[in-house]
Protein backbone atom coordinates (compact mmCIF):
# COMPACT_ATOMS: atom_id res chain seq x y z
CA MET A 1 126.97 166.37 87.62
CA LEU A 2 127.87 165.14 91.08
CA LEU A 3 124.06 165.89 92.26
CA LEU A 4 123.24 163.38 89.14
CA ARG A 5 126.04 161.14 89.84
CA ASN A 6 124.94 160.59 93.89
CA GLU A 7 121.00 160.60 92.77
CA MET A 8 121.68 157.41 90.52
CA GLU A 9 124.10 156.03 92.62
CA LYS A 10 121.36 156.24 95.26
CA LYS A 11 118.81 154.51 93.16
CA ARG A 12 121.36 152.10 92.21
CA LYS A 13 122.07 150.90 95.84
CA ALA A 14 118.02 150.94 96.37
CA GLU A 15 117.65 148.58 93.36
CA ILE A 16 120.45 146.52 94.36
CA ALA A 17 118.61 146.48 97.76
CA ARG A 18 115.18 145.21 96.30
CA ILE A 19 116.66 142.72 94.19
CA GLU A 20 118.90 141.30 97.22
CA ALA A 21 115.71 141.55 99.23
CA LYS A 22 113.50 139.84 96.63
CA LYS A 23 116.78 137.15 96.42
CA ASN A 24 116.73 136.37 100.18
CA TYR A 25 112.98 135.94 100.54
CA ALA A 26 112.93 133.43 97.49
CA ILE A 27 115.45 131.84 98.67
CA LYS A 28 113.70 131.21 102.12
CA GLU A 29 111.07 130.13 100.85
CA LEU A 30 112.54 127.52 98.63
CA THR A 31 114.43 126.70 101.67
CA SER A 32 111.14 126.31 103.72
CA LYS A 33 109.45 124.08 101.15
CA HIS A 34 112.27 121.57 101.06
CA SER A 35 112.57 121.56 104.75
CA ASN A 36 108.61 120.69 104.88
CA LYS A 37 109.42 117.99 102.12
CA TYR A 38 112.36 116.53 103.25
CA ALA A 39 110.13 116.30 106.64
CA ASP A 40 106.80 114.79 104.75
CA ILE A 41 109.70 112.02 102.97
CA LYS A 42 111.23 111.06 106.29
CA GLU A 43 108.05 110.76 108.04
CA TYR A 44 106.69 108.48 105.38
CA TYR A 45 110.00 106.33 105.25
CA SER A 46 109.74 106.30 108.85
CA GLU A 47 106.26 104.58 108.75
CA ILE A 48 107.33 102.13 106.34
CA THR A 49 110.21 100.93 108.43
CA ASN A 50 107.97 100.90 111.39
CA THR A 51 105.43 98.93 109.41
CA ASN A 52 107.89 96.60 108.05
CA LEU A 53 109.59 96.03 111.88
CA ASP A 54 106.18 95.22 113.22
CA ILE A 55 105.51 92.80 110.35
CA ILE A 56 109.16 90.97 110.64
CA LYS A 57 108.58 90.84 114.44
CA GLN A 58 105.00 89.31 113.82
CA LEU A 59 106.52 87.01 111.30
CA LYS A 60 109.25 85.77 113.92
CA ASP A 61 106.92 85.01 116.64
CA ASP A 62 104.73 82.94 113.95
CA LEU A 63 107.69 80.92 113.09
CA ALA A 64 108.65 80.22 116.20
CA ASP A 65 105.20 79.19 117.16
CA ALA A 66 105.37 76.97 114.10
CA ASN A 67 108.76 75.22 115.74
CA GLN A 68 107.26 74.70 118.84
CA GLN A 69 104.17 73.35 116.91
CA ASP A 70 106.26 71.32 115.04
CA LYS A 71 108.40 70.00 117.67
CA LYS A 72 105.50 68.91 119.61
CA THR A 73 104.12 66.82 116.45
CA GLN A 74 107.67 65.49 115.88
CA LYS A 75 107.13 64.18 119.89
CA GLU A 76 103.69 62.98 118.82
CA LYS A 77 104.70 61.14 115.91
CA ILE A 78 108.15 59.49 117.56
CA LYS A 79 105.51 58.59 120.51
CA GLN A 80 103.02 56.81 118.17
CA GLU A 81 105.89 55.25 116.08
CA GLU A 82 107.05 53.09 119.59
CA SER A 83 103.34 52.61 120.21
CA ASN A 84 103.16 50.84 116.70
CA ALA A 85 106.47 49.28 117.47
CA ARG A 86 105.29 47.67 120.93
CA VAL A 87 102.23 46.37 119.30
């Protein structure tokens, strides 16, 4: 009876070890997949953010150029009005 009990205990421990190893492998695999997907998502949104920042910078430059052109046009308009007033 004691031998049978010891044998069954060894089988139970071996089964528990096998199940735990399988569980640990599944957890490791799942963690790895999630890490890869998280890195992909992070890269995707980082790329979008960088693109948007580049667009914003370009639009700011365009706005500055438009403002300079507007000031230049306003000065020319004032000169023309003064010229017309003299005549």
